[in-house]
């Protein structure tokens, strides 16, 4: 369930950002998506695996 929730959260953020920036999902820089997810309180592992 947590993975499905995280995937849905990321998909929703991507959808909102594509509308806001007038681009398709492939045109969004991944850093923009990460930054928004972090702003919304998501916990991301952005570095190399432990």
C-alpha atoms as a PDB file:
ATOM      1  CA  UNK A   1       0.000   0.000   0.000  1.00  0.00           C
ATOM      2  CA  UNK A   2       2.732   2.601   0.775  1.00  0.00           C
ATOM      3  CA  UNK A   3       4.324   2.100  -2.645  1.00  0.00           C
ATOM      4  CA  UNK A   4       0.965   2.556  -4.379  1.00  0.00           C
ATOM      5  CA  UNK A   5       0.336   5.730  -2.360  1.00  0.00           C
ATOM      6  CA  UNK A   6       3.776   7.125  -3.229  1.00  0.00           C
ATOM      7  CA  UNK A   7       3.308   6.299  -6.914  1.00  0.00           C
ATOM      8  CA  UNK A   8      -0.104   7.976  -6.948  1.00  0.00           C
ATOM      9  CA  UNK A   9       1.273  11.050  -5.183  1.00  0.00           C
ATOM     10  CA  UNK A  10       4.094  11.335  -7.726  1.00  0.00           C
ATOM     11  CA  UNK A  11       1.687  10.842 -10.643  1.00  0.00           C
ATOM     12  CA  UNK A  12      -0.603  13.573  -9.317  1.00  0.00           C
ATOM     13  CA  UNK A  13       2.300  15.970  -8.862  1.00  0.00           C
ATOM     14  CA  UNK A  14       3.488  15.245 -12.403  1.00  0.00           C
ATOM     15  CA  UNK A  15       0.000  15.851 -13.786  1.00  0.00           C
ATOM     16  CA  UNK A  16      -0.331  19.165 -11.955  1.00  0.00           C
ATOM     17  CA  UNK A  17       3.117  20.323 -13.051  1.00  0.00           C
ATOM     18  CA  UNK A  18       2.463  19.464 -16.698  1.00  0.00           C
ATOM     19  CA  UNK A  19      -0.625  21.674 -16.646  1.00  0.00           C
ATOM     20  CA  UNK A  20       1.122  24.459 -14.737  1.00  0.00           C
ATOM     21  CA  UNK A  21       4.116  24.511 -17.087  1.00  0.00           C
ATOM     22  CA  UNK A  22       2.304  23.667 -20.323  1.00  0.00           C
ATOM     23  CA  UNK A  23       4.519  20.678 -21.082  1.00  0.00           C
ATOM     24  CA  UNK A  24       4.088  16.970 -21.473  1.00  0.00           C
ATOM     25  CA  UNK A  25       5.315  14.706 -18.680  1.00  0.00           C
ATOM     26  CA  UNK A  26       8.517  13.900 -20.557  1.00  0.00           C
ATOM     27  CA  UNK A  27       9.265  17.609 -20.787  1.00  0.00           C
ATOM     28  CA  UNK A  28       9.375  18.068 -17.014  1.00  0.00           C
ATOM     29  CA  UNK A  29      12.810  18.104 -15.398  1.00  0.00           C
ATOM     30  CA  UNK A  30      12.874  15.382 -12.745  1.00  0.00           C
ATOM     31  CA  UNK A  31      14.364  17.841 -10.263  1.00  0.00           C
ATOM     32  CA  UNK A  32      11.218  19.963 -10.534  1.00  0.00           C
ATOM     33  CA  UNK A  33       9.087  16.933  -9.655  1.00  0.00           C
ATOM     34  CA  UNK A  34      11.395  15.986  -6.761  1.00  0.00           C
ATOM     35  CA  UNK A  35      11.370  19.523  -5.400  1.00  0.00           C
ATOM     36  CA  UNK A  36       7.563  19.652  -5.413  1.00  0.00           C
ATOM     37  CA  UNK A  37       7.251  16.238  -3.784  1.00  0.00           C
ATOM     38  CA  UNK A  38       9.667  17.306  -1.044  1.00  0.00           C
ATOM     39  CA  UNK A  39       7.751  20.570  -0.586  1.00  0.00           C
ATOM     40  CA  UNK A  40       4.611  18.530  -0.020  1.00  0.00           C
ATOM     41  CA  UNK A  41       6.321  16.381   2.606  1.00  0.00           C
ATOM     42  CA  UNK A  42       7.188  13.271   0.620  1.00  0.00           C
ATOM     43  CA  UNK A  43      10.202  11.319   1.808  1.00  0.00           C
ATOM     44  CA  UNK A  44      12.549  10.639  -1.101  1.00  0.00           C
ATOM     45  CA  UNK A  45      15.853   8.911  -1.352  1.00  0.00           C
ATOM     46  CA  UNK A  46      17.661  11.094  -3.878  1.00  0.00           C
ATOM     47  CA  UNK A  47      21.208   9.829  -3.330  1.00  0.00           C
ATOM     48  CA  UNK A  48      22.919   6.512  -3.990  1.00  0.00           C
ATOM     49  CA  UNK A  49      21.509   3.439  -2.199  1.00  0.00           C
ATOM     50  CA  UNK A  50      22.842   2.714   1.273  1.00  0.00           C
END
